[in-house]
């Protein structure tokens, strides 16, 4: 998919240097950067999903289950 975006000149220049240094296209650099950005923010979607389920079903009230779930979510780098 082709798209047009506006970016600051300084960012473009940094991408140009990185592309030349790593022998990759600018398109590949931008695509990789967006992929990494989206992966870092995937946890936001997961949290929203959990919140929706809890909102629909209510909390279990089980302190152990709640603590274990918090531990898993806090310890994983989604």
Protein backbone atom coordinates (compact mmCIF):
# COMPACT_ATOMS: atom_id res chain seq x y z
CA UNK A 1 0.00 0.00 0.00
CA UNK A 2 1.33 3.40 -0.88
CA UNK A 3 0.57 6.42 1.25
CA UNK A 4 1.84 9.97 1.61
CA UNK A 5 2.77 11.46 4.97
CA UNK A 6 4.40 14.69 6.09
CA UNK A 7 7.36 14.45 8.43
CA UNK A 8 9.81 17.01 9.77
CA UNK A 9 12.92 17.58 7.65
CA UNK A 10 15.18 16.50 10.51
CA UNK A 11 13.42 13.12 10.77
CA UNK A 12 13.64 12.62 7.02
CA UNK A 13 17.37 13.36 7.07
CA UNK A 14 17.93 10.85 9.87
CA UNK A 15 16.00 8.22 7.92
CA UNK A 16 18.07 8.95 4.83
CA UNK A 17 21.29 8.40 6.79
CA UNK A 18 19.99 5.22 8.39
CA UNK A 19 18.79 3.86 5.04
CA UNK A 20 22.19 4.48 3.46
CA UNK A 21 24.07 3.01 6.42
CA UNK A 22 21.93 -0.13 6.64
CA UNK A 23 21.39 -0.50 2.87
CA UNK A 24 17.61 -0.52 3.28
CA UNK A 25 15.00 1.55 1.50
CA UNK A 26 13.29 4.49 3.20
CA UNK A 27 10.02 2.62 2.76
CA UNK A 28 11.42 -0.34 4.67
CA UNK A 29 12.68 1.94 7.47
CA UNK A 30 9.30 3.63 7.81
CA UNK A 31 7.44 0.32 7.65
CA UNK A 32 9.70 -1.26 10.29
CA UNK A 33 9.35 1.81 12.52
CA UNK A 34 5.55 1.75 12.31
CA UNK A 35 5.51 -1.99 12.97
CA UNK A 36 7.58 -1.52 16.14
CA UNK A 37 5.41 1.39 17.25
CA UNK A 38 2.22 -0.61 16.79
CA UNK A 39 3.69 -3.59 18.64
CA UNK A 40 4.55 -1.37 21.61
CA UNK A 41 0.99 -0.07 21.74
CA UNK A 42 -0.71 -3.45 21.34
CA UNK A 43 -0.95 -3.67 25.13
CA UNK A 44 -3.39 -0.73 24.97
CA UNK A 45 -5.74 -2.87 22.85
CA UNK A 46 -5.34 -5.83 25.18
CA UNK A 47 -6.14 -3.68 28.21
CA UNK A 48 -9.21 -2.25 26.47
CA UNK A 49 -10.36 -5.80 25.69
CA UNK A 50 -9.92 -6.91 29.30
CA UNK A 51 -11.74 -3.83 30.54
CA UNK A 52 -14.64 -4.56 28.19
CA UNK A 53 -14.91 -8.15 29.39
CA UNK A 54 -14.77 -7.10 33.04
CA UNK A 55 -17.35 -4.42 32.35
CA UNK A 56 -19.70 -6.97 30.80
CA UNK A 57 -19.14 -9.76 33.33
CA UNK A 58 -18.03 -8.00 36.47
CA UNK A 59 -14.98 -8.85 38.54
CA UNK A 60 -14.70 -12.30 40.07
CA UNK A 61 -13.92 -10.99 43.53
CA UNK A 62 -11.18 -13.62 43.84
CA UNK A 63 -8.16 -11.75 45.26
CA UNK A 64 -5.68 -14.42 44.13
CA UNK A 65 -6.94 -14.38 40.54
CA UNK A 66 -6.82 -10.59 40.48
CA UNK A 67 -3.27 -10.48 41.86
CA UNK A 68 -2.08 -13.16 39.45
CA UNK A 69 -3.61 -11.35 36.47
CA UNK A 70 -2.00 -8.05 37.49
CA UNK A 71 1.34 -9.79 37.91
CA UNK A 72 1.17 -11.33 34.43
CA UNK A 73 0.18 -8.05 32.81
CA UNK A 74 2.85 -6.02 34.63
CA UNK A 75 5.67 -8.51 33.99
CA UNK A 76 5.11 -9.00 30.27
CA UNK A 77 6.35 -6.47 27.73
CA UNK A 78 3.53 -6.73 25.20
